[in-house]
Amino acid sequence: MKLPSTFNQLIDEANTLDLYQKLVLQLNKDFLYANIDLDFDPDILPSSLKLLLHETVYKLIQEKFADYLNLLYIIDVSEEVIKQLDGSDTLQLADQVSFLILKREWQKVWFRHKYS
């Protein structure tokens, strides 16, 4: 599996395979496991999804860092990749982490679709 390198590529691939709603549902499931009060509508526009996810990650980094770390653990975002990010600009960090979250959730959905 070749992972998308941009948000638009990820969304295009999800829509092509008709898995966008499953991606949103997977996000909802993992946010619920992490006890983070965020529930995306399955029909949310990709631009709105990106914006809401970015805002949420930013707030978690700023205000609830332990919850942020727990979310990354539950979603299974690579610790090595997170450590490589530049944390000097929190807004940019939140954007990068949001994309890493979406990529990991996309992997889960894609593998489940491919091998079930």
PDB file of N, CA and C in Angstrom:
ATOM      1  N   MET A   1       0.842  -1.176   0.000  1.00  0.00           N
ATOM      2  CA  MET A   1       0.000   0.000   0.000  1.00  0.00           C
ATOM      3  C   MET A   1       0.892   1.246   0.000  1.00  0.00           C
ATOM      4  N   LYS A   2       0.636   2.124  -0.948  1.00  0.00           N
ATOM      5  CA  LYS A   2       1.355   3.399  -0.999  1.00  0.00           C
ATOM      6  C   LYS A   2       0.467   4.457  -0.368  1.00  0.00           C
ATOM      7  N   LEU A   3       0.973   5.058   0.717  1.00  0.00           N
ATOM      8  CA  LEU A   3       0.176   6.060   1.429  1.00  0.00           C
ATOM      9  C   LEU A   3       0.172   7.380   0.685  1.00  0.00           C
ATOM     10  N   PRO A   4      -0.953   8.067   0.694  1.00  0.00           N
ATOM     11  CA  PRO A   4      -1.017   9.384   0.054  1.00  0.00           C
ATOM     12  C   PRO A   4      -0.091  10.368   0.766  1.00  0.00           C
ATOM     13  N   SER A   5       0.436  11.326   0.000  1.00  0.00           N
ATOM     14  CA  SER A   5       1.362  12.289   0.593  1.00  0.00           C
ATOM     15  C   SER A   5       0.716  13.640   0.872  1.00  0.00           C
ATOM     16  N   THR A   6      -0.534  13.817   0.425  1.00  0.00           N
ATOM     17  CA  THR A   6      -1.253  15.061   0.721  1.00  0.00           C
ATOM     18  C   THR A   6      -2.680  14.737   1.145  1.00  0.00           C
ATOM     19  N   PHE A   7      -3.296  15.718   1.783  1.00  0.00           N
ATOM     20  CA  PHE A   7      -4.682  15.566   2.208  1.00  0.00           C
ATOM     21  C   PHE A   7      -5.587  15.305   1.004  1.00  0.00           C
ATOM     22  N   ASN A   8      -5.392  16.060  -0.076  1.00  0.00           N
ATOM     23  CA  ASN A   8      -6.247  15.904  -1.261  1.00  0.00           C
ATOM     24  C   ASN A   8      -6.102  14.526  -1.899  1.00  0.00           C
ATOM     25  N   GLN A   9      -4.889  14.009  -1.943  1.00  0.00           N
ATOM     26  CA  GLN A   9      -4.679  12.658  -2.474  1.00  0.00           C
ATOM     27  C   GLN A   9      -5.416  11.629  -1.623  1.00  0.00           C
ATOM     28  N   LEU A  10      -5.339  11.786  -0.316  1.00  0.00           N
ATOM     29  CA  LEU A  10      -6.007  10.862   0.594  1.00  0.00           C
ATOM     30  C   LEU A  10      -7.519  10.879   0.363  1.00  0.00           C
ATOM     31  N   ILE A  11      -8.098  12.067   0.277  1.00  0.00           N
ATOM     32  CA  ILE A  11      -9.543  12.193   0.080  1.00  0.00           C
ATOM     33  C   ILE A  11      -9.944  11.656  -1.296  1.00  0.00           C
ATOM     34  N   ASP A  12      -9.156  11.952  -2.319  1.00  0.00           N
ATOM     35  CA  ASP A  12      -9.460  11.442  -3.661  1.00  0.00           C
ATOM     36  C   ASP A  12      -9.461   9.922  -3.678  1.00  0.00           C
ATOM     37  N   GLU A  13      -8.471   9.326  -3.036  1.00  0.00           N
ATOM     38  CA  GLU A  13      -8.388   7.862  -2.990  1.00  0.00           C
ATOM     39  C   GLU A  13      -9.558   7.271  -2.206  1.00  0.00           C
ATOM     40  N   ALA A  14      -9.891   7.901  -1.083  1.00  0.00           N
ATOM     41  CA  ALA A  14     -11.023   7.431  -0.276  1.00  0.00           C
ATOM     42  C   ALA A  14     -12.328   7.520  -1.068  1.00  0.00           C
ATOM     43  N   ASN A  15     -12.510   8.615  -1.797  1.00  0.00           N
ATOM     44  CA  ASN A  15     -13.725   8.769  -2.597  1.00  0.00           C
ATOM     45  C   ASN A  15     -13.742   7.799  -3.773  1.00  0.00           C
ATOM     46  N   THR A  16     -12.601   7.576  -4.403  1.00  0.00           N
ATOM     47  CA  THR A  16     -12.514   6.650  -5.526  1.00  0.00           C
ATOM     48  C   THR A  16     -12.926   5.243  -5.100  1.00  0.00           C
ATOM     49  N   LEU A  17     -12.488   4.834  -3.929  1.00  0.00           N
ATOM     50  CA  LEU A  17     -12.817   3.498  -3.421  1.00  0.00           C
ATOM     51  C   LEU A  17     -14.127   3.484  -2.632  1.00  0.00           C
ATOM     52  N   ASP A  18     -14.796   4.627  -2.584  1.00  0.00           N
ATOM     53  CA  ASP A  18     -16.070   4.770  -1.867  1.00  0.00           C
ATOM     54  C   ASP A  18     -15.922   4.415  -0.384  1.00  0.00           C
ATOM     55  N   LEU A  19     -14.824   4.906   0.217  1.00  0.00           N
ATOM     56  CA  LEU A  19     -14.535   4.602   1.618  1.00  0.00           C
ATOM     57  C   LEU A  19     -14.457   5.857   2.490  1.00  0.00           C
ATOM     58  N   TYR A  20     -14.855   6.996   1.959  1.00  0.00           N
ATOM     59  CA  TYR A  20     -14.752   8.242   2.727  1.00  0.00           C
ATOM     60  C   TYR A  20     -15.578   8.178   4.006  1.00  0.00           C
ATOM     61  N   GLN A  21     -16.818   7.700   3.895  1.00  0.00           N
ATOM     62  CA  GLN A  21     -17.665   7.626   5.096  1.00  0.00           C
ATOM     63  C   GLN A  21     -17.086   6.660   6.123  1.00  0.00           C
ATOM     64  N   LYS A  22     -16.480   5.576   5.661  1.00  0.00           N
ATOM     65  CA  LYS A  22     -15.864   4.639   6.602  1.00  0.00           C
ATOM     66  C   LYS A  22     -14.662   5.276   7.294  1.00  0.00           C
ATOM     67  N   LEU A  23     -13.956   6.133   6.590  1.00  0.00           N
ATOM     68  CA  LEU A  23     -12.844   6.869   7.189  1.00  0.00           C
ATOM     69  C   LEU A  23     -13.361   7.774   8.306  1.00  0.00           C
ATOM     70  N   VAL A  24     -14.455   8.469   8.044  1.00  0.00           N
ATOM     71  CA  VAL A  24     -15.046   9.356   9.054  1.00  0.00           C
ATOM     72  C   VAL A  24     -15.532   8.545  10.252  1.00  0.00           C
ATOM     73  N   LEU A  25     -16.158   7.400   9.995  1.00  0.00           N
ATOM     74  CA  LEU A  25     -16.643   6.554  11.088  1.00  0.00           C
ATOM     75  C   LEU A  25     -15.481   6.008  11.928  1.00  0.00           C
ATOM     76  N   GLN A  26     -14.374   5.676  11.270  1.00  0.00           N
ATOM     77  CA  GLN A  26     -13.190   5.201  11.999  1.00  0.00           C
ATOM     78  C   GLN A  26     -12.635   6.309  12.893  1.00  0.00           C
ATOM     79  N   LEU A  27     -12.598   7.523  12.383  1.00  0.00           N
ATOM     80  CA  LEU A  27     -12.170   8.667  13.196  1.00  0.00           C
ATOM     81  C   LEU A  27     -13.067   8.814  14.414  1.00  0.00           C
ATOM     82  N   ASN A  28     -14.382   8.748  14.188  1.00  0.00           N
ATOM     83  CA  ASN A  28     -15.338   8.876  15.296  1.00  0.00           C
ATOM     84  C   ASN A  28     -15.107   7.803  16.346  1.00  0.00           C
ATOM     85  N   LYS A  29     -14.886   6.577  15.878  1.00  0.00           N
ATOM     86  CA  LYS A  29     -14.688   5.454  16.794  1.00  0.00           C
ATOM     87  C   LYS A  29     -13.447   5.664  17.671  1.00  0.00           C
ATOM     88  N   ASP A  30     -12.343   6.076  17.058  1.00  0.00           N
ATOM     89  CA  ASP A  30     -11.108   6.243  17.820  1.00  0.00           C
ATOM     90  C   ASP A  30     -11.160   7.464  18.738  1.00  0.00           C
ATOM     91  N   PHE A  31     -11.846   8.522  18.305  1.00  0.00           N
ATOM     92  CA  PHE A  31     -12.005   9.681  19.194  1.00  0.00           C
ATOM     93  C   PHE A  31     -12.867   9.303  20.395  1.00  0.00           C
ATOM     94  N   LEU A  32     -13.866   8.475  20.185  1.00  0.00           N
ATOM     95  CA  LEU A  32     -14.713   8.012  21.278  1.00  0.00           C
ATOM     96  C   LEU A  32     -13.888   7.166  22.258  1.00  0.00           C
ATOM     97  N   TYR A  33     -13.045   6.260  21.731  1.00  0.00           N
ATOM     98  CA  TYR A  33     -12.169   5.455  22.591  1.00  0.00           C
ATOM     99  C   TYR A  33     -11.246   6.330  23.427  1.00  0.00           C
ATOM    100  N   ALA A  34     -10.835   7.461  22.868  1.00  0.00           N
ATOM    101  CA  ALA A  34      -9.912   8.359  23.560  1.00  0.00           C
ATOM    102  C   ALA A  34     -10.644   9.334  24.490  1.00  0.00           C
ATOM    103  N   ASN A  35     -11.955   9.180  24.603  1.00  0.00           N
ATOM    104  CA  ASN A  35     -12.780  10.060  25.442  1.00  0.00           C
ATOM    105  C   ASN A  35     -12.683  11.530  25.030  1.00  0.00           C
ATOM    106  N   ILE A  36     -12.627  11.758  23.730  1.00  0.00           N
ATOM    107  CA  ILE A  36     -12.604  13.128  23.211  1.00  0.00           C
ATOM    108  C   ILE A  36     -13.949  13.388  22.552  1.00  0.00           C
ATOM    109  N   ASP A  37     -14.591  14.423  23.017  1.00  0.00           N
ATOM    110  CA  ASP A  37     -15.956  14.731  22.586  1.00  0.00           C
ATOM    111  C   ASP A  37     -15.940  15.381  21.206  1.00  0.00           C
ATOM    112  N   LEU A  38     -15.856  14.543  20.191  1.00  0.00           N
ATOM    113  CA  LEU A  38     -15.884  15.013  18.815  1.00  0.00           C
ATOM    114  C   LEU A  38     -16.553  13.936  17.988  1.00  0.00           C
ATOM    115  N   ASP A  39     -17.609  14.299  17.320  1.00  0.00           N
ATOM    116  CA  ASP A  39     -18.351  13.328  16.523  1.00  0.00           C
ATOM    117  C   ASP A  39     -18.628  13.947  15.162  1.00  0.00           C
ATOM    118  N   PHE A  40     -17.880  13.502  14.155  1.00  0.00           N
ATOM    119  CA  PHE A  40     -18.073  14.014  12.804  1.00  0.00           C
ATOM    120  C   PHE A  40     -19.320  13.407  12.188  1.00  0.00           C
ATOM    121  N   ASP A  41     -20.071  14.220  11.480  1.00  0.00           N
ATOM    122  CA  ASP A  41     -21.203  13.721  10.704  1.00  0.00           C
ATOM    123  C   ASP A  41     -20.635  12.890   9.552  1.00  0.00           C
ATOM    124  N   PRO A  42     -21.202  11.707   9.274  1.00  0.00           N
ATOM    125  CA  PRO A  42     -20.660  10.874   8.191  1.00  0.00           C
ATOM    126  C   PRO A  42     -20.659  11.567   6.821  1.00  0.00           C
ATOM    127  N   ASP A  43     -21.499  12.573   6.649  1.00  0.00           N
ATOM    128  CA  ASP A  43     -21.573  13.283   5.372  1.00  0.00           C
ATOM    129  C   ASP A  43     -20.790  14.597   5.380  1.00  0.00           C
ATOM    130  N   ILE A  44     -19.881  14.773   6.331  1.00  0.00           N
ATOM    131  CA  ILE A  44     -19.113  16.011   6.445  1.00  0.00           C
ATOM    132  C   ILE A  44     -18.255  16.214   5.193  1.00  0.00           C
ATOM    133  N   LEU A  45     -18.165  17.442   4.753  1.00  0.00           N
ATOM    134  CA  LEU A  45     -17.310  17.761   3.611  1.00  0.00           C
ATOM    135  C   LEU A  45     -15.844  17.588   4.008  1.00  0.00           C
ATOM    136  N   PRO A  46     -15.005  17.130   3.094  1.00  0.00           N
ATOM    137  CA  PRO A  46     -13.586  16.943   3.424  1.00  0.00           C
ATOM    138  C   PRO A  46     -12.919  18.211   3.962  1.00  0.00           C
ATOM    139  N   SER A  47     -13.264  19.367   3.420  1.00  0.00           N
ATOM    140  CA  SER A  47     -12.656  20.615   3.900  1.00  0.00           C
ATOM    141  C   SER A  47     -13.052  20.890   5.356  1.00  0.00           C
ATOM    142  N   SER A  48     -14.303  20.605   5.685  1.00  0.00           N
ATOM    143  CA  SER A  48     -14.764  20.791   7.063  1.00  0.00           C
ATOM    144  C   SER A  48     -14.115  19.776   7.994  1.00  0.00           C
ATOM    145  N   LEU A  49     -13.964  18.556   7.521  1.00  0.00           N
ATOM    146  CA  LEU A  49     -13.299  17.511   8.309  1.00  0.00           C
ATOM    147  C   LEU A  49     -11.876  17.949   8.650  1.00  0.00           C
ATOM    148  N   LYS A  50     -11.162  18.417   7.647  1.00  0.00           N
ATOM    149  CA  LYS A  50      -9.776  18.849   7.846  1.00  0.00           C
ATOM    150  C   LYS A  50      -9.716  19.995   8.863  1.00  0.00           C
ATOM    151  N   LEU A  51     -10.600  20.971   8.721  1.00  0.00           N
ATOM    152  CA  LEU A  51     -10.613  22.131   9.607  1.00  0.00           C
ATOM    153  C   LEU A  51     -10.950  21.738  11.048  1.00  0.00           C
ATOM    154  N   LEU A  52     -11.995  20.940  11.231  1.00  0.00           N
ATOM    155  CA  LEU A  52     -12.398  20.525  12.582  1.00  0.00           C
ATOM    156  C   LEU A  52     -11.326  19.663  13.249  1.00  0.00           C
ATOM    157  N   LEU A  53     -10.742  18.763  12.481  1.00  0.00           N
ATOM    158  CA  LEU A  53      -9.693  17.903  13.033  1.00  0.00           C
ATOM    159  C   LEU A  53      -8.491  18.752  13.442  1.00  0.00           C
ATOM    160  N   HIS A  54      -8.110  19.693  12.598  1.00  0.00           N
ATOM    161  CA  HIS A  54      -6.982  20.573  12.907  1.00  0.00           C
ATOM    162  C   HIS A  54      -7.251  21.386  14.177  1.00  0.00           C
ATOM    163  N   GLU A  55      -8.448  21.968  14.272  1.00  0.00           N
ATOM    164  CA  GLU A  55      -8.809  22.750  15.457  1.00  0.00           C
ATOM    165  C   GLU A  55      -8.755  21.905  16.723  1.00  0.00           C
ATOM    166  N   THR A  56      -9.280  20.701  16.628  1.00  0.00           N
ATOM    167  CA  THR A  56      -9.325  19.811  17.787  1.00  0.00           C
ATOM    168  C   THR A  56      -7.921  19.414  18.227  1.00  0.00           C
ATOM    169  N   VAL A  57      -7.081  19.045  17.282  1.00  0.00           N
ATOM    170  CA  VAL A  57      -5.708  18.658  17.615  1.00  0.00           C
ATOM    171  C   VAL A  57      -4.970  19.847  18.227  1.00  0.00           C
ATOM    172  N   TYR A  58      -5.171  21.025  17.673  1.00  0.00           N
ATOM    173  CA  TYR A  58      -4.528  22.235  18.201  1.00  0.00           C
ATOM    174  C   TYR A  58      -4.945  22.485  19.656  1.00  0.00           C
ATOM    175  N   LYS A  59      -6.251  22.379  19.922  1.00  0.00           N
ATOM    176  CA  LYS A  59      -6.740  22.594  21.295  1.00  0.00           C
ATOM    177  C   LYS A  59      -6.197  21.539  22.250  1.00  0.00           C
ATOM    178  N   LEU A  60      -6.119  20.296  21.773  1.00  0.00           N
ATOM    179  CA  LEU A  60      -5.582  19.231  22.618  1.00  0.00           C
ATOM    180  C   LEU A  60      -4.118  19.499  22.968  1.00  0.00           C
ATOM    181  N   ILE A  61      -3.343  19.921  21.985  1.00  0.00           N
ATOM    182  CA  ILE A  61      -1.927  20.208  22.240  1.00  0.00           C
ATOM    183  C   ILE A  61      -1.796  21.349  23.251  1.00  0.00           C
ATOM    184  N   GLN A  62      -2.628  22.366  23.084  1.00  0.00           N
ATOM    185  CA  GLN A  62      -2.539  23.554  23.933  1.00  0.00           C
ATOM    186  C   GLN A  62      -3.082  23.328  25.344  1.00  0.00           C
ATOM    187  N   GLU A  63      -4.224  22.629  25.444  1.00  0.00           N
ATOM    188  CA  GLU A  63      -4.957  22.590  26.704  1.00  0.00           C
ATOM    189  C   GLU A  63      -5.001  21.222  27.390  1.00  0.00           C
ATOM    190  N   LYS A  64      -4.943  20.147  26.623  1.00  0.00           N
ATOM    191  CA  LYS A  64      -5.087  18.800  27.193  1.00  0.00           C
ATOM    192  C   LYS A  64      -4.040  17.871  26.585  1.00  0.00           C
ATOM    193  N   PHE A  65      -2.798  18.126  26.921  1.00  0.00           N
ATOM    194  CA  PHE A  65      -1.706  17.390  26.284  1.00  0.00           C
ATOM    195  C   PHE A  65      -1.768  15.888  26.560  1.00  0.00           C
ATOM    196  N   ALA A  66      -2.170  15.500  27.746  1.00  0.00           N
ATOM    197  CA  ALA A  66      -2.277  14.065  28.075  1.00  0.00           C
ATOM    198  C   ALA A  66      -3.332  13.400  27.186  1.00  0.00           C
ATOM    199  N   ASP A  67      -4.451  14.088  26.943  1.00  0.00           N
ATOM    200  CA  ASP A  67      -5.484  13.553  26.051  1.00  0.00           C
ATOM    201  C   ASP A  67      -4.972  13.453  24.615  1.00  0.00           C
ATOM    202  N   TYR A  68      -4.167  14.417  24.214  1.00  0.00           N
ATOM    203  CA  TYR A  68      -3.552  14.414  22.883  1.00  0.00           C
ATOM    204  C   TYR A  68      -2.657  13.180  22.717  1.00  0.00           C
ATOM    205  N   LEU A  69      -1.817  12.926  23.702  1.00  0.00           N
ATOM    206  CA  LEU A  69      -0.935  11.758  23.649  1.00  0.00           C
ATOM    207  C   LEU A  69      -1.732  10.459  23.654  1.00  0.00           C
ATOM    208  N   ASN A  70      -2.789  10.424  24.449  1.00  0.00           N
ATOM    209  CA  ASN A  70      -3.648   9.247  24.498  1.00  0.00           C
ATOM    210  C   ASN A  70      -4.308   8.996  23.132  1.00  0.00           C
ATOM    211  N   LEU A  71      -4.755  10.067  22.490  1.00  0.00           N
ATOM    212  CA  LEU A  71      -5.365   9.935  21.165  1.00  0.00           C
ATOM    213  C   LEU A  71      -4.366   9.358  20.166  1.00  0.00           C
ATOM    214  N   LEU A  72      -3.155   9.884  20.172  1.00  0.00           N
ATOM    215  CA  LEU A  72      -2.131   9.372  19.254  1.00  0.00           C
ATOM    216  C   LEU A  72      -1.847   7.899  19.520  1.00  0.00           C
ATOM    217  N   TYR A  73      -1.848   7.519  20.778  1.00  0.00           N
ATOM    218  CA  TYR A  73      -1.627   6.118  21.146  1.00  0.00           C
ATOM    219  C   TYR A  73      -2.771   5.237  20.647  1.00  0.00           C
ATOM    220  N   ILE A  74      -3.999   5.676  20.854  1.00  0.00           N
ATOM    221  CA  ILE A  74      -5.164   4.883  20.452  1.00  0.00           C
ATOM    222  C   ILE A  74      -5.228   4.744  18.928  1.00  0.00           C
ATOM    223  N   ILE A  75      -4.943   5.829  18.227  1.00  0.00           N
ATOM    224  CA  ILE A  75      -4.983   5.777  16.763  1.00  0.00           C
ATOM    225  C   ILE A  75      -3.775   5.023  16.225  1.00  0.00           C
ATOM    226  N   ASP A  76      -2.708   4.967  16.998  1.00  0.00           N
ATOM    227  CA  ASP A  76      -1.472   4.271  16.644  1.00  0.00           C
ATOM    228  C   ASP A  76      -0.659   5.054  15.619  1.00  0.00           C
ATOM    229  N   VAL A  77      -0.527   6.353  15.867  1.00  0.00           N
ATOM    230  CA  VAL A  77       0.346   7.191  15.044  1.00  0.00           C
ATOM    231  C   VAL A  77       1.777   6.913  15.496  1.00  0.00           C
ATOM    232  N   SER A  78       2.664   6.742  14.533  1.00  0.00           N
ATOM    233  CA  SER A  78       4.052   6.386  14.816  1.00  0.00           C
ATOM    234  C   SER A  78       4.739   7.432  15.692  1.00  0.00           C
ATOM    235  N   GLU A  79       5.269   6.976  16.811  1.00  0.00           N
ATOM    236  CA  GLU A  79       5.982   7.866  17.731  1.00  0.00           C
ATOM    237  C   GLU A  79       7.234   8.434  17.063  1.00  0.00           C
ATOM    238  N   GLU A  80       7.883   7.626  16.248  1.00  0.00           N
ATOM    239  CA  GLU A  80       9.087   8.071  15.545  1.00  0.00           C
ATOM    240  C   GLU A  80       8.787   9.245  14.621  1.00  0.00           C
ATOM    241  N   VAL A  81       7.683   9.157  13.900  1.00  0.00           N
ATOM    242  CA  VAL A  81       7.307  10.226  12.971  1.00  0.00           C
ATOM    243  C   VAL A  81       6.951  11.491  13.744  1.00  0.00           C
ATOM    244  N   ILE A  82       6.239  11.331  14.856  1.00  0.00           N
ATOM    245  CA  ILE A  82       5.860  12.495  15.678  1.00  0.00           C
ATOM    246  C   ILE A  82       7.115  13.189  16.202  1.00  0.00           C
ATOM    247  N   LYS A  83       8.108  12.408  16.629  1.00  0.00           N
ATOM    248  CA  LYS A  83       9.340  12.992  17.170  1.00  0.00           C
ATOM    249  C   LYS A  83      10.118  13.770  16.114  1.00  0.00           C
ATOM    250  N   GLN A  84       9.927  13.438  14.849  1.00  0.00           N
ATOM    251  CA  GLN A  84      10.656  14.118  13.780  1.00  0.00           C
ATOM    252  C   GLN A  84      10.046  15.474  13.423  1.00  0.00           C
ATOM    253  N   LEU A  85       8.815  15.730  13.872  1.00  0.00           N
ATOM    254  CA  LEU A  85       8.149  16.985  13.538  1.00  0.00           C
ATOM    255  C   LEU A  85       8.740  18.144  14.332  1.00  0.00           C
ATOM    256  N   ASP A  86       8.699  19.318  13.729  1.00  0.00           N
ATOM    257  CA  ASP A  86       9.175  20.536  14.386  1.00  0.00           C
ATOM    258  C   ASP A  86       8.045  21.095  15.239  1.00  0.00           C
ATOM    259  N   GLY A  87       8.260  21.142  16.544  1.00  0.00           N
ATOM    260  CA  GLY A  87       7.213  21.578  17.453  1.00  0.00           C
ATOM    261  C   GLY A  87       7.258  23.055  17.798  1.00  0.00           C
ATOM    262  N   SER A  88       8.078  23.838  17.087  1.00  0.00           N
ATOM    263  CA  SER A  88       8.216  25.253  17.439  1.00  0.00           C
ATOM    264  C   SER A  88       6.975  26.067  17.078  1.00  0.00           C
ATOM    265  N   ASP A  89       6.256  25.657  16.041  1.00  0.00           N
ATOM    266  CA  ASP A  89       5.015  26.337  15.647  1.00  0.00           C
ATOM    267  C   ASP A  89       3.854  25.381  15.899  1.00  0.00           C
ATOM    268  N   THR A  90       3.095  25.630  16.946  1.00  0.00           N
ATOM    269  CA  THR A  90       2.030  24.711  17.355  1.00  0.00           C
ATOM    270  C   THR A  90       0.946  24.580  16.293  1.00  0.00           C
ATOM    271  N   LEU A  91       0.649  25.667  15.600  1.00  0.00           N
ATOM    272  CA  LEU A  91      -0.378  25.627  14.561  1.00  0.00           C
ATOM    273  C   LEU A  91       0.038  24.703  13.419  1.00  0.00           C
ATOM    274  N   GLN A  92       1.292  24.821  13.001  1.00  0.00           N
ATOM    275  CA  GLN A  92       1.806  23.962  11.939  1.00  0.00           C
ATOM    276  C   GLN A  92       1.922  22.516  12.426  1.00  0.00           C
ATOM    277  N   LEU A  93       2.336  22.338  13.666  1.00  0.00           N
ATOM    278  CA  LEU A  93       2.418  20.998  14.245  1.00  0.00           C
ATOM    279  C   LEU A  93       1.047  20.333  14.246  1.00  0.00           C
ATOM    280  N   ALA A  94       0.011  21.064  14.644  1.00  0.00           N
ATOM    281  CA  ALA A  94      -1.346  20.520  14.669  1.00  0.00           C
ATOM    282  C   ALA A  94      -1.791  20.104  13.270  1.00  0.00           C
ATOM    283  N   ASP A  95      -1.413  20.881  12.264  1.00  0.00           N
ATOM    284  CA  ASP A  95      -1.761  20.549  10.882  1.00  0.00           C
ATOM    285  C   ASP A  95      -1.075  19.253  10.447  1.00  0.00           C
ATOM    286  N   GLN A  96       0.205  19.126  10.759  1.00  0.00           N
ATOM    287  CA  GLN A  96       0.959  17.927  10.389  1.00  0.00           C
ATOM    288  C   GLN A  96       0.437  16.692  11.124  1.00  0.00           C
ATOM    289  N   VAL A  97       0.148  16.841  12.400  1.00  0.00           N
ATOM    290  CA  VAL A  97      -0.363  15.717  13.189  1.00  0.00           C
ATOM    291  C   VAL A  97      -1.757  15.308  12.706  1.00  0.00           C
ATOM    292  N   SER A  98      -2.572  16.279  12.330  1.00  0.00           N
ATOM    293  CA  SER A  98      -3.907  15.976  11.800  1.00  0.00           C
ATOM    294  C   SER A  98      -3.797  15.099  10.558  1.00  0.00           C
ATOM    295  N   PHE A  99      -2.844  15.433   9.690  1.00  0.00           N
ATOM    296  CA  PHE A  99      -2.661  14.621   8.490  1.00  0.00           C
ATOM    297  C   PHE A  99      -2.144  13.229   8.839  1.00  0.00           C
ATOM    298  N   LEU A 100      -1.248  13.136   9.820  1.00  0.00           N
ATOM    299  CA  LEU A 100      -0.759  11.815  10.248  1.00  0.00           C
ATOM    300  C   LEU A 100      -1.898  10.968  10.808  1.00  0.00           C
ATOM    301  N   ILE A 101      -2.789  11.602  11.544  1.00  0.00           N
ATOM    302  CA  ILE A 101      -3.962  10.896  12.082  1.00  0.00           C
ATOM    303  C   ILE A 101      -4.823  10.375  10.934  1.00  0.00           C
ATOM    304  N   LEU A 102      -5.099  11.242   9.971  1.00  0.00           N
ATOM    305  CA  LEU A 102      -5.915  10.822   8.827  1.00  0.00           C
ATOM    306  C   LEU A 102      -5.242   9.695   8.042  1.00  0.00           C
ATOM    307  N   LYS A 103      -3.921   9.785   7.864  1.00  0.00           N
ATOM    308  CA  LYS A 103      -3.212   8.717   7.133  1.00  0.00           C
ATOM    309  C   LYS A 103      -3.320   7.387   7.860  1.00  0.00           C
ATOM    310  N   ARG A 104      -3.153   7.410   9.181  1.00  0.00           N
ATOM    311  CA  ARG A 104      -3.222   6.157   9.946  1.00  0.00           C
ATOM    312  C   ARG A 104      -4.629   5.582   9.920  1.00  0.00           C
ATOM    313  N   GLU A 105      -5.629   6.452  10.050  1.00  0.00           N
ATOM    314  CA  GLU A 105      -7.016   5.989   9.991  1.00  0.00           C
ATOM    315  C   GLU A 105      -7.322   5.445   8.594  1.00  0.00           C
ATOM    316  N   TRP A 106      -6.761   6.085   7.573  1.00  0.00           N
ATOM    317  CA  TRP A 106      -6.961   5.615   6.203  1.00  0.00           C
ATOM    318  C   TRP A 106      -6.350   4.222   6.027  1.00  0.00           C
ATOM    319  N   GLN A 107      -5.185   3.980   6.616  1.00  0.00           N
ATOM    320  CA  GLN A 107      -4.571   2.648   6.550  1.00  0.00           C
ATOM    321  C   GLN A 107      -5.522   1.599   7.128  1.00  0.00           C
ATOM    322  N   LYS A 108      -6.079   1.896   8.277  1.00  0.00           N
ATOM    323  CA  LYS A 108      -6.987   0.946   8.934  1.00  0.00           C
ATOM    324  C   LYS A 108      -8.182   0.632   8.041  1.00  0.00           C
ATOM    325  N   VAL A 109      -8.785   1.676   7.492  1.00  0.00           N
ATOM    326  CA  VAL A 109      -9.976   1.498   6.650  1.00  0.00           C
ATOM    327  C   VAL A 109      -9.616   0.742   5.381  1.00  0.00           C
ATOM    328  N   TRP A 110      -8.494   1.113   4.757  1.00  0.00           N
ATOM    329  CA  TRP A 110      -8.079   0.484   3.509  1.00  0.00           C
ATOM    330  C   TRP A 110      -7.792  -1.007   3.713  1.00  0.00           C
ATOM    331  N   PHE A 111      -7.042  -1.345   4.763  1.00  0.00           N
ATOM    332  CA  PHE A 111      -6.726  -2.747   5.030  1.00  0.00           C
ATOM    333  C   PHE A 111      -7.980  -3.555   5.341  1.00  0.00           C
ATOM    334  N   ARG A 112      -8.873  -2.980   6.109  1.00  0.00           N
ATOM    335  CA  ARG A 112     -10.119  -3.672   6.428  1.00  0.00           C
ATOM    336  C   ARG A 112     -10.926  -3.937   5.162  1.00  0.00           C
ATOM    337  N   HIS A 113     -10.951  -2.959   4.278  1.00  0.00           N
ATOM    338  CA  HIS A 113     -11.682  -3.109   3.008  1.00  0.00           C
ATOM    339  C   HIS A 113     -11.008  -4.145   2.110  1.00  0.00           C
ATOM    340  N   LYS A 114      -9.693  -4.062   2.026  1.00  0.00           N
ATOM    341  CA  LYS A 114      -8.937  -4.922   1.118  1.00  0.00           C
ATOM    342  C   LYS A 114      -8.971  -6.389   1.552  1.00  0.00           C
ATOM    343  N   TYR A 115      -8.921  -6.650   2.853  1.00  0.00           N
ATOM    344  CA  TYR A 115      -8.762  -8.017   3.321  1.00  0.00           C
ATOM    345  C   TYR A 115      -9.968  -8.583   4.055  1.00  0.00           C
ATOM    346  N   SER A 116     -11.133  -7.999   3.828  1.00  0.00           N
ATOM    347  CA  SER A 116     -12.323  -8.580   4.479  1.00  0.00           C
ATOM    348  C   SER A 116     -13.288  -9.128   3.454  1.00  0.00           C
TER     349      SER A 116
END
